[in-house]
Amino acid sequence: MRKWLSAVTVALTVSLGVHAAGAQELDADVANDYPTFTRADYVFGCMQVNGNTRLALERCACSIDAIASILPFKVYEEAETILSIRQRGGESVAQFNRPEALAIVEKLKQAQIEGELRCF
Protein backbone atom coordinates (compact mmCIF):
# COMPACT_ATOMS: atom_id res chain seq x y z
CA MET A 1 0.00 0.00 0.00
CA ARG A 2 2.82 2.42 0.85
CA LYS A 3 4.58 1.72 -2.46
CA TRP A 4 1.35 2.48 -4.30
CA LEU A 5 0.91 5.76 -2.39
CA SER A 6 4.53 6.68 -3.10
CA ALA A 7 4.05 5.96 -6.79
CA VAL A 8 0.88 8.05 -6.88
CA THR A 9 2.62 10.89 -5.02
CA VAL A 10 5.56 10.84 -7.45
CA ALA A 11 3.23 10.71 -10.45
CA LEU A 12 1.16 13.58 -9.09
CA THR A 13 4.26 15.66 -8.35
CA VAL A 14 5.62 15.08 -11.85
CA SER A 15 2.23 15.86 -13.36
CA LEU A 16 1.96 19.12 -11.43
CA GLY A 17 5.50 20.07 -12.44
CA VAL A 18 4.75 19.43 -16.10
CA HIS A 19 1.50 21.40 -15.81
CA ALA A 20 3.30 24.33 -14.18
CA ALA A 21 5.97 24.28 -16.88
CA GLY A 22 3.25 24.22 -19.52
CA ALA A 23 1.53 27.20 -17.88
CA GLN A 24 4.81 29.13 -17.91
CA GLU A 25 5.27 28.34 -21.59
CA LEU A 26 1.71 29.49 -22.26
CA ASP A 27 2.40 32.76 -20.42
CA ALA A 28 5.58 33.20 -22.46
CA ASP A 29 3.64 32.52 -25.67
CA VAL A 30 1.02 35.14 -24.76
CA ALA A 31 3.73 37.69 -23.97
CA ASN A 32 5.55 36.84 -27.22
CA ASP A 33 2.60 36.72 -29.61
CA TYR A 34 3.52 40.08 -31.14
CA PRO A 35 5.06 39.65 -34.61
CA THR A 36 8.62 40.87 -34.99
CA PHE A 37 7.46 43.39 -37.59
CA THR A 38 5.04 44.95 -35.10
CA ARG A 39 7.68 45.16 -32.40
CA ALA A 40 10.22 46.66 -34.81
CA ASP A 41 7.67 49.16 -36.13
CA TYR A 42 6.85 50.28 -32.58
CA VAL A 43 10.53 50.61 -31.64
CA PHE A 44 11.31 52.53 -34.84
CA GLY A 45 8.53 55.07 -34.20
CA CYS A 46 9.37 55.32 -30.51
CA MET A 47 13.04 55.94 -31.29
CA GLN A 48 12.18 58.75 -33.71
CA VAL A 49 10.22 60.50 -30.97
CA ASN A 50 12.93 59.90 -28.36
CA GLY A 51 16.09 60.96 -30.17
CA ASN A 52 17.32 57.92 -32.16
CA THR A 53 19.95 57.02 -29.57
CA ARG A 54 21.11 53.71 -28.19
CA LEU A 55 19.39 54.57 -24.92
CA ALA A 56 16.15 55.26 -26.82
CA LEU A 57 16.49 51.86 -28.52
CA GLU A 58 16.80 50.11 -25.16
CA ARG A 59 13.92 52.02 -23.61
CA CYS A 60 11.63 51.60 -26.61
CA ALA A 61 12.34 47.86 -26.83
CA CYS A 62 11.58 47.61 -23.11
CA SER A 63 8.37 49.57 -23.64
CA ILE A 64 6.97 47.27 -26.35
CA ASP A 65 7.90 44.26 -24.23
CA ALA A 66 5.96 45.79 -21.33
CA ILE A 67 2.98 46.47 -23.57
CA ALA A 68 3.09 42.91 -24.90
CA SER A 69 3.11 41.55 -21.35
CA ILE A 70 -0.06 43.52 -20.55
CA LEU A 71 -2.06 43.54 -23.77
CA PRO A 72 -2.76 40.57 -26.05
CA PHE A 73 -1.69 41.20 -29.64
CA LYS A 74 -5.28 41.01 -30.87
CA VAL A 75 -6.28 43.98 -28.69
CA TYR A 76 -3.11 45.89 -29.65
CA GLU A 77 -3.87 45.32 -33.34
CA GLU A 78 -7.51 46.42 -32.93
CA ALA A 79 -6.46 49.61 -31.12
CA GLU A 80 -3.82 50.45 -33.72
CA THR A 81 -6.36 49.89 -36.51
CA ILE A 82 -8.92 52.13 -34.81
CA LEU A 83 -6.35 54.89 -34.31
CA SER A 84 -5.18 54.62 -37.91
CA ILE A 85 -8.70 54.83 -39.33
CA ARG A 86 -9.66 57.72 -37.04
CA GLN A 87 -6.75 59.76 -38.43
CA ARG A 88 -8.33 59.67 -41.88
CA GLY A 89 -11.38 61.60 -40.77
CA GLY A 90 -14.72 61.78 -42.55
CA GLU A 91 -18.17 60.37 -41.90
CA SER A 92 -17.16 56.73 -42.14
CA VAL A 93 -14.91 57.19 -39.13
CA ALA A 94 -17.82 57.89 -36.77
CA GLN A 95 -18.22 54.23 -35.84
CA PHE A 96 -14.66 54.24 -34.50
CA ASN A 97 -15.60 56.90 -31.97
CA ARG A 98 -18.15 54.66 -30.26
CA PRO A 99 -17.63 53.68 -26.61
CA GLU A 100 -16.55 50.14 -27.57
CA ALA A 101 -13.79 51.47 -29.84
CA LEU A 102 -12.76 54.09 -27.31
CA ALA A 103 -12.45 51.37 -24.63
CA ILE A 104 -10.08 49.37 -26.85
CA VAL A 105 -7.93 52.44 -27.51
CA GLU A 106 -7.93 53.22 -23.78
CA LYS A 107 -6.51 49.75 -23.06
CA LEU A 108 -3.63 50.48 -25.43
CA LYS A 109 -3.02 53.89 -23.86
CA GLN A 110 -2.93 52.36 -20.38
CA ALA A 111 -0.45 49.71 -21.54
CA GLN A 112 1.71 52.41 -23.14
CA ILE A 113 1.69 54.42 -19.93
CA GLU A 114 2.78 51.33 -18.01
CA GLY A 115 5.55 50.77 -20.59
CA GLU A 116 6.76 54.32 -20.08
CA LEU A 117 6.68 53.98 -16.31
CA ARG A 118 8.69 50.76 -16.44
CA CYS A 119 11.22 51.78 -19.05
CA PHE A 120 11.72 55.55 -19.22
C-alpha atoms as a PDB file:
ATOM      1  CA  MET A   1       0.000   0.000   0.000  1.00  0.00           C
ATOM      2  CA  ARG A   2       2.825   2.424   0.849  1.00  0.00           C
ATOM      3  CA  LYS A   3       4.577   1.725  -2.455  1.00  0.00           C
ATOM      4  CA  TRP A   4       1.352   2.480  -4.302  1.00  0.00           C
ATOM      5  CA  LEU A   5       0.914   5.760  -2.395  1.00  0.00           C
ATOM      6  CA  SER A   6       4.527   6.675  -3.103  1.00  0.00           C
ATOM      7  CA  ALA A   7       4.047   5.961  -6.790  1.00  0.00           C
ATOM      8  CA  VAL A   8       0.881   8.051  -6.878  1.00  0.00           C
ATOM      9  CA  THR A   9       2.623  10.887  -5.016  1.00  0.00           C
ATOM     10  CA  VAL A  10       5.556  10.843  -7.450  1.00  0.00           C
ATOM     11  CA  ALA A  11       3.232  10.709 -10.453  1.00  0.00           C
ATOM     12  CA  LEU A  12       1.156  13.585  -9.088  1.00  0.00           C
ATOM     13  CA  THR A  13       4.255  15.657  -8.352  1.00  0.00           C
ATOM     14  CA  VAL A  14       5.622  15.078 -11.855  1.00  0.00           C
ATOM     15  CA  SER A  15       2.231  15.859 -13.364  1.00  0.00           C
ATOM     16  CA  LEU A  16       1.963  19.124 -11.434  1.00  0.00           C
ATOM     17  CA  GLY A  17       5.500  20.069 -12.437  1.00  0.00           C
ATOM     18  CA  VAL A  18       4.746  19.433 -16.100  1.00  0.00           C
ATOM     19  CA  HIS A  19       1.499  21.402 -15.811  1.00  0.00           C
ATOM     20  CA  ALA A  20       3.305  24.327 -14.177  1.00  0.00           C
ATOM     21  CA  ALA A  21       5.975  24.280 -16.883  1.00  0.00           C
ATOM     22  CA  GLY A  22       3.245  24.223 -19.524  1.00  0.00           C
ATOM     23  CA  ALA A  23       1.535  27.196 -17.884  1.00  0.00           C
ATOM     24  CA  GLN A  24       4.806  29.135 -17.907  1.00  0.00           C
ATOM     25  CA  GLU A  25       5.271  28.337 -21.588  1.00  0.00           C
ATOM     26  CA  LEU A  26       1.708  29.492 -22.256  1.00  0.00           C
ATOM     27  CA  ASP A  27       2.397  32.756 -20.418  1.00  0.00           C
ATOM     28  CA  ALA A  28       5.576  33.196 -22.462  1.00  0.00           C
ATOM     29  CA  ASP A  29       3.637  32.521 -25.670  1.00  0.00           C
ATOM     30  CA  VAL A  30       1.022  35.136 -24.758  1.00  0.00           C
ATOM     31  CA  ALA A  31       3.733  37.695 -23.975  1.00  0.00           C
ATOM     32  CA  ASN A  32       5.548  36.837 -27.218  1.00  0.00           C
ATOM     33  CA  ASP A  33       2.600  36.718 -29.607  1.00  0.00           C
ATOM     34  CA  TYR A  34       3.520  40.081 -31.144  1.00  0.00           C
ATOM     35  CA  PRO A  35       5.060  39.649 -34.608  1.00  0.00           C
ATOM     36  CA  THR A  36       8.615  40.871 -34.987  1.00  0.00           C
ATOM     37  CA  PHE A  37       7.464  43.391 -37.594  1.00  0.00           C
ATOM     38  CA  THR A  38       5.036  44.953 -35.101  1.00  0.00           C
ATOM     39  CA  ARG A  39       7.679  45.156 -32.396  1.00  0.00           C
ATOM     40  CA  ALA A  40      10.216  46.661 -34.810  1.00  0.00           C
ATOM     41  CA  ASP A  41       7.675  49.164 -36.130  1.00  0.00           C
ATOM     42  CA  TYR A  42       6.853  50.284 -32.585  1.00  0.00           C
ATOM     43  CA  VAL A  43      10.525  50.609 -31.640  1.00  0.00           C
ATOM     44  CA  PHE A  44      11.305  52.532 -34.843  1.00  0.00           C
ATOM     45  CA  GLY A  45       8.531  55.072 -34.198  1.00  0.00           C
ATOM     46  CA  CYS A  46       9.373  55.321 -30.513  1.00  0.00           C
ATOM     47  CA  MET A  47      13.045  55.944 -31.292  1.00  0.00           C
ATOM     48  CA  GLN A  48      12.184  58.754 -33.713  1.00  0.00           C
ATOM     49  CA  VAL A  49      10.216  60.499 -30.973  1.00  0.00           C
ATOM     50  CA  ASN A  50      12.928  59.899 -28.361  1.00  0.00           C
ATOM     51  CA  GLY A  51      16.087  60.959 -30.173  1.00  0.00           C
ATOM     52  CA  ASN A  52      17.320  57.920 -32.160  1.00  0.00           C
ATOM     53  CA  THR A  53      19.953  57.023 -29.573  1.00  0.00           C
ATOM     54  CA  ARG A  54      21.114  53.711 -28.193  1.00  0.00           C
ATOM     55  CA  LEU A  55      19.386  54.571 -24.923  1.00  0.00           C
ATOM     56  CA  ALA A  56      16.148  55.261 -26.818  1.00  0.00           C
ATOM     57  CA  LEU A  57      16.488  51.859 -28.518  1.00  0.00           C
ATOM     58  CA  GLU A  58      16.796  50.110 -25.161  1.00  0.00           C
ATOM     59  CA  ARG A  59      13.916  52.022 -23.605  1.00  0.00           C
ATOM     60  CA  CYS A  60      11.629  51.603 -26.609  1.00  0.00           C
ATOM     61  CA  ALA A  61      12.337  47.859 -26.826  1.00  0.00           C
ATOM     62  CA  CYS A  62      11.579  47.611 -23.113  1.00  0.00           C
ATOM     63  CA  SER A  63       8.371  49.565 -23.636  1.00  0.00           C
ATOM     64  CA  ILE A  64       6.968  47.268 -26.351  1.00  0.00           C
ATOM     65  CA  ASP A  65       7.903  44.258 -24.226  1.00  0.00           C
ATOM     66  CA  ALA A  66       5.955  45.786 -21.325  1.00  0.00           C
ATOM     67  CA  ILE A  67       2.979  46.473 -23.573  1.00  0.00           C
ATOM     68  CA  ALA A  68       3.090  42.907 -24.896  1.00  0.00           C
ATOM     69  CA  SER A  69       3.108  41.554 -21.349  1.00  0.00           C
ATOM     70  CA  ILE A  70      -0.064  43.524 -20.553  1.00  0.00           C
ATOM     71  CA  LEU A  71      -2.061  43.538 -23.765  1.00  0.00           C
ATOM     72  CA  PRO A  72      -2.757  40.568 -26.049  1.00  0.00           C
ATOM     73  CA  PHE A  73      -1.691  41.203 -29.636  1.00  0.00           C
ATOM     74  CA  LYS A  74      -5.278  41.011 -30.870  1.00  0.00           C
ATOM     75  CA  VAL A  75      -6.277  43.984 -28.690  1.00  0.00           C
ATOM     76  CA  TYR A  76      -3.114  45.887 -29.653  1.00  0.00           C
ATOM     77  CA  GLU A  77      -3.870  45.324 -33.337  1.00  0.00           C
ATOM     78  CA  GLU A  78      -7.508  46.424 -32.928  1.00  0.00           C
ATOM     79  CA  ALA A  79      -6.462  49.608 -31.122  1.00  0.00           C
ATOM     80  CA  GLU A  80      -3.817  50.452 -33.722  1.00  0.00           C
ATOM     81  CA  THR A  81      -6.358  49.889 -36.507  1.00  0.00           C
ATOM     82  CA  ILE A  82      -8.918  52.129 -34.813  1.00  0.00           C
ATOM     83  CA  LEU A  83      -6.353  54.887 -34.310  1.00  0.00           C
ATOM     84  CA  SER A  84      -5.179  54.621 -37.909  1.00  0.00           C
ATOM     85  CA  ILE A  85      -8.695  54.833 -39.325  1.00  0.00           C
ATOM     86  CA  ARG A  86      -9.662  57.716 -37.045  1.00  0.00           C
ATOM     87  CA  GLN A  87      -6.752  59.764 -38.426  1.00  0.00           C
ATOM     88  CA  ARG A  88      -8.329  59.666 -41.883  1.00  0.00           C
ATOM     89  CA  GLY A  89     -11.383  61.603 -40.774  1.00  0.00           C
ATOM     90  CA  GLY A  90     -14.719  61.776 -42.545  1.00  0.00           C
ATOM     91  CA  GLU A  91     -18.173  60.370 -41.901  1.00  0.00           C
ATOM     92  CA  SER A  92     -17.160  56.726 -42.141  1.00  0.00           C
ATOM     93  CA  VAL A  93     -14.907  57.185 -39.133  1.00  0.00           C
ATOM     94  CA  ALA A  94     -17.824  57.890 -36.771  1.00  0.00           C
ATOM     95  CA  GLN A  95     -18.221  54.234 -35.836  1.00  0.00           C
ATOM     96  CA  PHE A  96     -14.663  54.240 -34.497  1.00  0.00           C
ATOM     97  CA  ASN A  97     -15.602  56.902 -31.966  1.00  0.00           C
ATOM     98  CA  ARG A  98     -18.153  54.660 -30.256  1.00  0.00           C
ATOM     99  CA  PRO A  99     -17.631  53.683 -26.607  1.00  0.00           C
ATOM    100  CA  GLU A 100     -16.547  50.135 -27.573  1.00  0.00           C
ATOM    101  CA  ALA A 101     -13.794  51.466 -29.835  1.00  0.00           C
ATOM    102  CA  LEU A 102     -12.763  54.087 -27.305  1.00  0.00           C
ATOM    103  CA  ALA A 103     -12.448  51.372 -24.634  1.00  0.00           C
ATOM    104  CA  ILE A 104     -10.078  49.369 -26.848  1.00  0.00           C
ATOM    105  CA  VAL A 105      -7.935  52.443 -27.512  1.00  0.00           C
ATOM    106  CA  GLU A 106      -7.932  53.218 -23.778  1.00  0.00           C
ATOM    107  CA  LYS A 107      -6.507  49.752 -23.057  1.00  0.00           C
ATOM    108  CA  LEU A 108      -3.631  50.480 -25.425  1.00  0.00           C
ATOM    109  CA  LYS A 109      -3.019  53.887 -23.861  1.00  0.00           C
ATOM    110  CA  GLN A 110      -2.928  52.357 -20.376  1.00  0.00           C
ATOM    111  CA  ALA A 111      -0.451  49.708 -21.544  1.00  0.00           C
ATOM    112  CA  GLN A 112       1.706  52.413 -23.143  1.00  0.00           C
ATOM    113  CA  ILE A 113       1.694  54.417 -19.929  1.00  0.00           C
ATOM    114  CA  GLU A 114       2.780  51.331 -18.015  1.00  0.00           C
ATOM    115  CA  GLY A 115       5.547  50.768 -20.589  1.00  0.00           C
ATOM    116  CA  GLU A 116       6.764  54.319 -20.083  1.00  0.00           C
ATOM    117  CA  LEU A 117       6.684  53.975 -16.308  1.00  0.00           C
ATOM    118  CA  ARG A 118       8.689  50.757 -16.438  1.00  0.00           C
ATOM    119  CA  CYS A 119      11.218  51.785 -19.047  1.00  0.00           C
ATOM    120  CA  PHE A 120      11.715  55.547 -19.216  1.00  0.00           C
END
